Amino acid sequence: MVRSAEKPASRRIIVERYTWLERVTHLVHLVAMFTLLITGFKIYFGWDFMSFQTARAFHMIAVPFFPGRKLDSCSL
C-alpha cells in the first residue's frame, strides 16, 4: 500500500496571505486611485459632470489615501 504524500489536515501549515487590515487598506487604495483618476481627468479635460471646485476637493481628499511608496522606507 502506498501512502499519500500529503500530510493529514491537522498537521498542515496554512499560510494567510493578507490580514483583514491589509485587505481594507488595499480597498481604500483602490477607491482613492479611481477617485484621483476621475477627478484628475475632470480637472485636466474640463468634463461637465461636476464642478471644478468639487473635483478639486475630492482630489485633495483622496491624495493622502494613495501613497506613492511606504513612508517608513529609507531608500530613495
Protein backbone atom coordinates (compact mmCIF):
# COMPACT_ATOMS: atom_id res chain seq x y z
CA MET A 1 0.00 0.00 0.00
CA VAL A 2 1.35 3.44 -0.97
CA ARG A 3 0.96 6.31 1.46
CA SER A 4 -0.25 9.69 0.30
CA ALA A 5 2.43 12.37 0.02
CA GLU A 6 0.16 14.88 1.74
CA LYS A 7 0.19 15.34 5.48
CA PRO A 8 -3.04 14.97 7.42
CA ALA A 9 -5.15 18.14 7.55
CA SER A 10 -4.42 18.71 11.24
CA ARG A 11 -0.64 18.90 10.64
CA ARG A 12 -0.58 21.11 7.54
CA ILE A 13 0.72 24.65 7.81
CA ILE A 14 -1.77 27.18 6.50
CA VAL A 15 -0.37 30.48 5.27
CA GLU A 16 -2.57 33.52 5.40
CA ARG A 17 -1.70 35.90 2.59
CA TYR A 18 -3.43 39.07 3.71
CA THR A 19 -4.95 40.10 7.00
CA TRP A 20 -8.28 41.90 7.10
CA LEU A 21 -6.44 45.18 7.74
CA GLU A 22 -4.31 44.73 4.62
CA ARG A 23 -7.44 43.94 2.59
CA VAL A 24 -9.16 47.10 3.85
CA THR A 25 -6.02 49.09 3.06
CA HIS A 26 -5.96 47.74 -0.49
CA LEU A 27 -9.65 48.59 -0.92
CA VAL A 28 -9.11 52.17 0.30
CA HIS A 29 -6.12 52.46 -2.02
CA LEU A 30 -8.21 51.23 -4.97
CA VAL A 31 -11.04 53.68 -4.26
CA ALA A 32 -8.53 56.54 -3.89
CA MET A 33 -6.89 55.57 -7.18
CA PHE A 34 -10.17 55.71 -9.09
CA THR A 35 -11.14 58.96 -7.39
CA LEU A 36 -7.82 60.51 -8.36
CA LEU A 37 -8.12 59.30 -11.95
CA ILE A 38 -11.69 60.52 -12.45
CA THR A 39 -11.23 63.89 -10.75
CA GLY A 40 -7.84 64.38 -12.40
CA PHE A 41 -9.30 63.85 -15.86
CA LYS A 42 -12.19 66.16 -14.97
CA ILE A 43 -9.77 68.89 -13.86
CA TYR A 44 -7.49 68.44 -16.87
CA PHE A 45 -10.08 67.96 -19.63
CA GLY A 46 -12.89 70.05 -18.11
CA TRP A 47 -15.59 67.36 -18.18
CA ASP A 48 -19.04 68.67 -17.25
CA PHE A 49 -20.30 66.07 -14.76
CA MET A 50 -19.18 68.06 -11.68
CA SER A 51 -17.85 71.50 -10.91
CA PHE A 52 -14.14 72.24 -10.84
CA GLN A 53 -14.23 73.08 -7.11
CA THR A 54 -15.94 69.78 -6.23
CA ALA A 55 -13.50 67.77 -8.34
CA ARG A 56 -10.54 69.57 -6.78
CA ALA A 57 -11.91 68.98 -3.26
CA PHE A 58 -12.39 65.23 -3.91
CA HIS A 59 -8.95 65.11 -5.50
CA MET A 60 -7.27 66.72 -2.48
CA ILE A 61 -9.16 64.44 -0.05
CA ALA A 62 -8.09 61.31 -1.96
CA VAL A 63 -4.39 62.25 -2.18
CA PRO A 64 -3.35 61.12 1.34
CA PHE A 65 -5.00 57.72 0.82
CA PHE A 66 -2.88 56.98 -2.26
CA PRO A 67 0.73 56.97 -1.10
CA GLY A 68 3.37 56.56 -3.75
CA ARG A 69 5.54 54.43 -1.50
CA LYS A 70 5.87 53.50 2.12
CA LEU A 71 6.69 56.42 4.34
CA ASP A 72 9.00 54.41 6.57
CA SER A 73 11.31 53.31 3.77
CA CYS A 74 14.70 54.98 3.80
CA SER A 75 15.81 54.10 0.29
CA LEU A 76 15.32 56.80 -2.31
